[in-house]
């Protein structure tokens, strides 16, 4: 694979090849998803249009379908608080959904904090800011276990006291202000101190949903990895760049599917790739073999 002789800005070649709209398709779809979900929750208290009642922790859709965050459900069980039938049904519905589409889809398509961390990452690239501190990804696991243990000891839903998603939704309704201070702190941390510090290294919900999505059928793949020109744009924009290499740099016997539960299925690698190496598909995709002879080179999917 040839390396680019002249390094363009990240995603610039994709914009030139595919056009701005196509080269930002997944980003635009994610923003529409995040804003739409937030507005559905706010429509009731702000405009008396009650499509859904409650918040992203626990809610009732169309006054009929219960929805419960499975991470909150886990904390509730740990705290010893009795759970009712609706909470169990709601947790099963949400858990089943995120299992099917990839657990960390929550992080990239639902969580409003994602827009803040994406903006911070863009600023890092624009200003070529280097990490000042190094954080371990194990921090998320440690915090996840700690939250469950503290919930067991205290009998409280500990994470909900500091969950920025819950705080944002509440403060948009009641015009309080601490969540904006928290958002600014996350932005500064991600932009100037450690890349993707919050989502990739600290947020326990990210770890919880990554475990849930490890065996999801819907996965990003590098099916056309033979077309890769090593521009490194996918690594530059991916919130979890360590998940790319096994699929992108494998041989013909190695699956091109990104199996890691840490992948957020955000589609940023698809947007910035001018060679259309990446796509979204099922986890059972098999590698493409190169078949060459003296006159032609063709490719077929191995069955």
Protein backbone atom coordinates (compact mmCIF):
# COMPACT_ATOMS: atom_id res chain seq x y z
CA UNK A 1 0.00 0.00 0.00
CA UNK A 2 1.38 3.37 -0.98
CA UNK A 3 1.62 6.21 1.52
CA UNK A 4 0.43 9.64 0.50
CA UNK A 5 3.28 11.89 -0.58
CA UNK A 6 1.43 15.05 0.35
CA UNK A 7 -0.59 15.02 3.59
CA UNK A 8 -3.96 16.72 3.28
CA UNK A 9 -6.11 17.81 6.18
CA UNK A 10 -8.14 15.01 7.69
CA UNK A 11 -11.06 14.19 5.43
CA UNK A 12 -10.10 16.70 2.74
CA UNK A 13 -9.55 14.07 0.06
CA UNK A 14 -12.89 12.46 0.91
CA UNK A 15 -14.63 15.80 0.42
CA UNK A 16 -12.90 16.23 -2.95
CA UNK A 17 -13.80 12.71 -4.06
CA UNK A 18 -17.33 12.36 -2.70
CA UNK A 19 -18.52 15.92 -2.12
CA UNK A 20 -19.05 17.67 1.22
CA UNK A 21 -22.50 16.23 1.94
CA UNK A 22 -21.56 12.59 1.37
CA UNK A 23 -18.26 13.06 3.23
CA UNK A 24 -20.23 14.27 6.27
CA UNK A 25 -23.28 12.01 5.93
CA UNK A 26 -22.77 9.97 9.10
CA UNK A 27 -21.89 13.04 11.14
CA UNK A 28 -25.04 14.85 10.02
CA UNK A 29 -27.21 11.79 10.71
CA UNK A 30 -25.77 11.49 14.21
CA UNK A 31 -26.44 15.14 14.98
CA UNK A 32 -30.00 14.83 13.70
CA UNK A 33 -30.46 11.74 15.89
CA UNK A 34 -29.06 13.40 19.02
CA UNK A 35 -31.06 16.61 18.60
CA UNK A 36 -34.27 14.76 17.69
CA UNK A 37 -34.09 12.46 20.71
CA UNK A 38 -33.40 15.38 23.03
CA UNK A 39 -36.28 17.40 21.56
CA UNK A 40 -38.70 14.48 21.91
CA UNK A 41 -37.95 14.40 25.63
CA UNK A 42 -38.21 18.20 25.92
CA UNK A 43 -41.39 18.53 23.83
CA UNK A 44 -43.60 17.58 26.78
CA UNK A 45 -42.37 19.91 29.54
CA UNK A 46 -41.62 22.79 27.15
CA UNK A 47 -44.47 22.57 24.63
CA UNK A 48 -46.99 20.16 26.23
CA UNK A 49 -46.53 17.64 23.42
CA UNK A 50 -46.17 14.42 25.39
CA UNK A 51 -44.67 11.91 22.96
CA UNK A 52 -42.63 10.52 25.80
CA UNK A 53 -42.81 11.15 29.54
CA UNK A 54 -39.79 10.98 31.79
CA UNK A 55 -36.10 11.21 30.91
CA UNK A 56 -33.35 9.10 29.37
CA UNK A 57 -33.13 7.16 32.62
CA UNK A 58 -36.73 6.00 32.76
CA UNK A 59 -39.65 6.99 30.56
CA UNK A 60 -42.98 6.00 29.05
CA UNK A 61 -43.38 6.15 25.28
CA UNK A 62 -46.85 7.10 24.01
CA UNK A 63 -48.16 6.44 27.53
CA UNK A 64 -47.84 2.73 26.81
CA UNK A 65 -44.29 1.45 26.27
CA UNK A 66 -41.91 1.60 29.28
CA UNK A 67 -38.26 2.38 28.59
CA UNK A 68 -35.52 2.08 31.19
CA UNK A 69 -31.77 2.57 30.95
CA UNK A 70 -30.21 -0.87 31.68
CA UNK A 71 -27.25 0.74 33.48
CA UNK A 72 -29.63 2.51 35.84
CA UNK A 73 -31.56 -0.75 36.23
CA UNK A 74 -28.31 -2.47 37.26
CA UNK A 75 -27.65 0.25 39.83
CA UNK A 76 -31.20 -0.08 41.12
CA UNK A 77 -30.77 -3.80 41.68
CA UNK A 78 -27.44 -3.19 43.40
CA UNK A 79 -28.93 -0.55 45.68
CA UNK A 80 -31.58 -2.96 46.94
CA UNK A 81 -34.46 -0.79 45.76
CA UNK A 82 -37.46 -2.82 44.62
CA UNK A 83 -38.07 -2.68 40.88
CA UNK A 84 -41.49 -2.90 39.32
CA UNK A 85 -42.59 -4.78 36.24
CA UNK A 86 -42.45 -1.72 33.98
CA UNK A 87 -38.82 -1.05 34.85
CA UNK A 88 -37.87 -4.63 34.06
CA UNK A 89 -39.73 -4.57 30.74
CA UNK A 90 -38.22 -1.18 29.88
CA UNK A 91 -34.69 -2.34 30.64
CA UNK A 92 -35.15 -5.48 28.52
CA UNK A 93 -36.45 -3.42 25.56
CA UNK A 94 -33.53 -0.97 25.66
CA UNK A 95 -30.94 -3.69 26.28
CA UNK A 96 -32.27 -5.71 23.32
CA UNK A 97 -32.16 -2.66 21.07
CA UNK A 98 -28.58 -1.74 21.92
CA UNK A 99 -27.47 -5.34 21.65
CA UNK A 100 -28.81 -5.48 18.09
CA UNK A 101 -27.33 -2.19 16.84
CA UNK A 102 -24.12 -2.13 18.91
CA UNK A 103 -24.05 -1.01 22.52
CA UNK A 104 -21.96 2.11 22.09
CA UNK A 105 -24.38 3.43 19.51
CA UNK A 106 -25.77 5.10 22.63
CA UNK A 107 -22.51 7.06 22.93
CA UNK A 108 -22.39 8.29 19.34
CA UNK A 109 -26.05 8.53 18.31
CA UNK A 110 -27.94 9.36 21.52
CA UNK A 111 -25.71 10.95 24.16
CA UNK A 112 -25.62 14.77 23.78
CA UNK A 113 -22.15 14.88 25.35
CA UNK A 114 -20.85 13.35 22.11
CA UNK A 115 -21.24 16.69 20.32
CA UNK A 116 -19.02 18.31 22.97
CA UNK A 117 -16.30 15.67 22.74
CA UNK A 118 -16.41 15.71 18.92
CA UNK A 119 -15.94 19.50 18.97
CA UNK A 120 -13.01 19.15 21.36
CA UNK A 121 -11.41 16.52 19.11
CA UNK A 122 -11.83 18.77 16.06
CA UNK A 123 -10.08 21.60 17.91
CA UNK A 124 -7.22 19.29 18.88
CA UNK A 125 -6.64 18.39 15.25
CA UNK A 126 -6.98 21.97 14.04
CA UNK A 127 -4.44 23.26 16.56
CA UNK A 128 -2.31 20.09 16.56
CA UNK A 129 -2.60 19.82 20.36
CA UNK A 130 -0.70 16.97 22.00
CA UNK A 131 -1.73 14.99 25.07
CA UNK A 132 -0.55 16.47 28.35
CA UNK A 133 -1.74 13.58 30.45
CA UNK A 134 -2.18 9.89 29.69
CA UNK A 135 -5.24 8.10 30.99
CA UNK A 136 -5.84 4.38 31.09
CA UNK A 137 -8.91 2.91 29.41
CA UNK A 138 -9.19 0.67 32.46
CA UNK A 139 -10.46 3.71 34.38
CA UNK A 140 -13.92 3.13 32.90
CA UNK A 141 -14.02 -0.42 34.25
CA UNK A 142 -12.80 0.71 37.66
CA UNK A 143 -15.44 3.44 37.83
CA UNK A 144 -18.16 1.05 36.66
CA UNK A 145 -17.36 -1.42 39.44
CA UNK A 146 -17.02 1.40 41.97
CA UNK A 147 -20.46 2.81 41.08
CA UNK A 148 -22.11 -0.59 41.54
CA UNK A 149 -20.35 -1.13 44.87
CA UNK A 150 -21.20 2.34 46.17
CA UNK A 151 -24.81 1.85 45.07
CA UNK A 152 -24.90 -1.39 47.07
CA UNK A 153 -23.45 0.28 50.16
CA UNK A 154 -25.37 3.56 50.01
CA UNK A 155 -28.68 2.34 48.61
CA UNK A 156 -28.55 5.23 46.10
CA UNK A 157 -28.30 5.49 42.31
CA UNK A 158 -24.86 7.05 42.52
CA UNK A 159 -24.22 7.71 38.84
CA UNK A 160 -27.45 9.63 38.43
CA UNK A 161 -26.13 12.26 40.85
CA UNK A 162 -23.41 13.24 38.35
CA UNK A 163 -24.62 11.81 35.02
CA UNK A 164 -24.12 14.71 32.55
CA UNK A 165 -26.88 13.43 30.22
CA UNK A 166 -29.48 13.54 32.98
CA UNK A 167 -28.20 16.93 34.13
CA UNK A 168 -28.41 18.46 30.64
CA UNK A 169 -31.99 17.31 30.13
CA UNK A 170 -33.06 18.55 33.56
CA UNK A 171 -31.38 21.92 33.22
CA UNK A 172 -32.78 22.59 29.76
CA UNK A 173 -36.20 22.41 31.40
CA UNK A 174 -35.50 24.17 34.69
CA UNK A 175 -32.83 26.63 33.43
CA UNK A 176 -30.25 25.64 36.01
CA UNK A 177 -26.60 25.95 35.12
CA UNK A 178 -24.18 23.43 36.61
CA UNK A 179 -24.34 21.03 33.64
CA UNK A 180 -22.89 23.71 31.38
CA UNK A 181 -19.94 24.05 33.74
CA UNK A 182 -19.50 20.28 33.54
CA UNK A 183 -19.73 20.36 29.73
CA UNK A 184 -17.07 23.07 29.61
CA UNK A 185 -14.84 21.02 31.90
CA UNK A 186 -15.22 17.95 29.64
CA UNK A 187 -14.47 20.07 26.57
CA UNK A 188 -11.31 21.53 28.12
CA UNK A 189 -10.16 18.11 29.33
CA UNK A 190 -10.66 16.51 25.90
CA UNK A 191 -9.29 19.41 23.87
CA UNK A 192 -6.23 20.44 25.85
CA UNK A 193 -5.20 17.59 28.12
CA UNK A 194 -6.10 14.11 26.86
CA UNK A 195 -7.79 13.04 23.63
CA UNK A 196 -11.25 11.53 24.13
CA UNK A 197 -10.59 11.52 27.87
CA UNK A 198 -14.23 11.50 28.93
CA UNK A 199 -15.85 9.01 26.55
CA UNK A 200 -12.86 6.76 25.94
CA UNK A 201 -11.22 6.71 29.37
CA UNK A 202 -13.58 7.88 32.11
CA UNK A 203 -17.30 7.46 31.39
CA UNK A 204 -18.55 4.21 33.02
CA UNK A 205 -21.60 4.17 30.74
CA UNK A 206 -19.27 3.82 27.77
CA UNK A 207 -17.77 0.71 29.33
CA UNK A 208 -21.18 -0.70 30.19
CA UNK A 209 -22.48 -0.27 26.64
CA UNK A 210 -19.25 -1.60 25.12
CA UNK A 211 -19.78 -4.87 27.02
CA UNK A 212 -23.38 -4.96 25.83
CA UNK A 213 -22.39 -4.44 22.19
CA UNK A 214 -19.45 -6.85 22.00
CA UNK A 215 -21.50 -9.51 20.20
CA UNK A 216 -23.93 -7.25 18.34
CA UNK A 217 -24.83 -8.34 14.80
CA UNK A 218 -24.45 -4.81 13.38
CA UNK A 219 -20.79 -3.86 12.89
CA UNK A 220 -18.55 -1.51 10.93
CA UNK A 221 -16.21 -3.36 8.58
CA UNK A 222 -13.16 -2.68 6.41
CA UNK A 223 -14.35 -5.00 3.65
CA UNK A 224 -12.45 -3.11 0.94
CA UNK A 225 -9.23 -2.80 2.94
CA UNK A 226 -7.09 -3.65 -0.09
CA UNK A 227 -7.96 -0.16 -1.38
CA UNK A 228 -6.46 1.52 1.72
CA UNK A 229 -3.66 4.00 0.89
CA UNK A 230 -2.51 4.44 4.52
CA UNK A 231 -3.67 8.04 4.74
CA UNK A 232 -4.46 7.46 8.45
CA UNK A 233 -7.55 9.69 8.36
CA UNK A 234 -9.69 6.97 9.93
CA UNK A 235 -7.32 6.71 12.88
CA UNK A 236 -7.32 10.50 13.25
CA UNK A 237 -11.10 10.80 13.64
CA UNK A 238 -12.02 7.50 15.30
CA UNK A 239 -12.95 7.95 18.98
CA UNK A 240 -11.51 4.46 19.64
CA UNK A 241 -8.70 4.16 17.04
CA UNK A 242 -7.29 0.98 18.60
CA UNK A 243 -10.27 -0.97 17.22
CA UNK A 244 -9.40 -0.32 13.56
CA UNK A 245 -6.10 -2.13 13.01
CA UNK A 246 -7.22 -5.77 13.47
CA UNK A 247 -9.84 -5.37 10.72
CA UNK A 248 -7.96 -2.99 8.42
CA UNK A 249 -4.52 -4.61 8.46
CA UNK A 250 -5.47 -8.29 8.58
CA UNK A 251 -4.64 -10.81 5.88
CA UNK A 252 -7.12 -12.64 3.66
CA UNK A 253 -7.87 -15.11 6.45
CA UNK A 254 -8.64 -12.35 8.96
CA UNK A 255 -12.14 -10.95 9.24
CA UNK A 256 -12.53 -7.35 8.05
CA UNK A 257 -15.18 -6.76 10.73
CA UNK A 258 -14.45 -4.49 13.68
CA UNK A 259 -15.55 -6.82 16.45
CA UNK A 260 -14.52 -4.70 19.44
CA UNK A 261 -17.36 -3.56 21.67
CA UNK A 262 -15.55 -0.23 22.03
CA UNK A 263 -16.47 0.71 18.43
CA UNK A 264 -19.26 3.29 18.61
CA UNK A 265 -20.60 2.65 15.09
CA UNK A 266 -20.32 6.41 14.59
CA UNK A 267 -19.39 6.13 10.90
CA UNK A 268 -16.62 8.73 11.06
CA UNK A 269 -14.20 6.32 9.38
CA UNK A 270 -16.71 5.95 6.53
CA UNK A 271 -17.06 9.72 6.14
CA UNK A 272 -13.34 10.53 5.91
CA UNK A 273 -12.25 7.58 3.75
CA UNK A 274 -11.83 8.66 0.13
CA UNK A 275 -11.32 5.03 -0.93
CA UNK A 276 -14.59 3.72 0.57
CA UNK A 277 -12.75 1.10 2.59
CA UNK A 278 -15.33 1.07 5.40
CA UNK A 279 -19.02 0.29 5.49
CA UNK A 280 -21.69 -0.91 7.92
CA UNK A 281 -22.90 -4.49 7.75
CA UNK A 282 -23.41 -7.67 9.78
CA UNK A 283 -20.70 -9.33 11.83
CA UNK A 284 -20.63 -12.47 9.66
CA UNK A 285 -19.03 -10.83 6.61
CA UNK A 286 -16.13 -12.86 5.21
CA UNK A 287 -12.90 -11.45 3.76
CA UNK A 288 -12.49 -10.47 0.13
CA UNK A 289 -9.80 -12.45 -1.64
CA UNK A 290 -7.58 -11.00 -4.34
CA UNK A 291 -7.47 -13.22 -7.45
CA UNK A 292 -4.77 -12.20 -9.89
CA UNK A 293 -3.55 -13.52 -13.25
CA UNK A 294 -1.29 -12.14 -15.95
CA UNK A 295 -3.97 -9.95 -17.52
CA UNK A 296 -6.55 -9.04 -14.92
CA UNK A 297 -7.09 -8.54 -11.22
CA UNK A 298 -10.55 -9.23 -9.89
CA UNK A 299 -12.04 -9.68 -6.46
CA UNK A 300 -14.70 -12.01 -5.14
CA UNK A 301 -16.22 -12.60 -1.74
CA UNK A 302 -15.19 -15.91 -0.25
CA UNK A 303 -18.13 -18.07 0.70
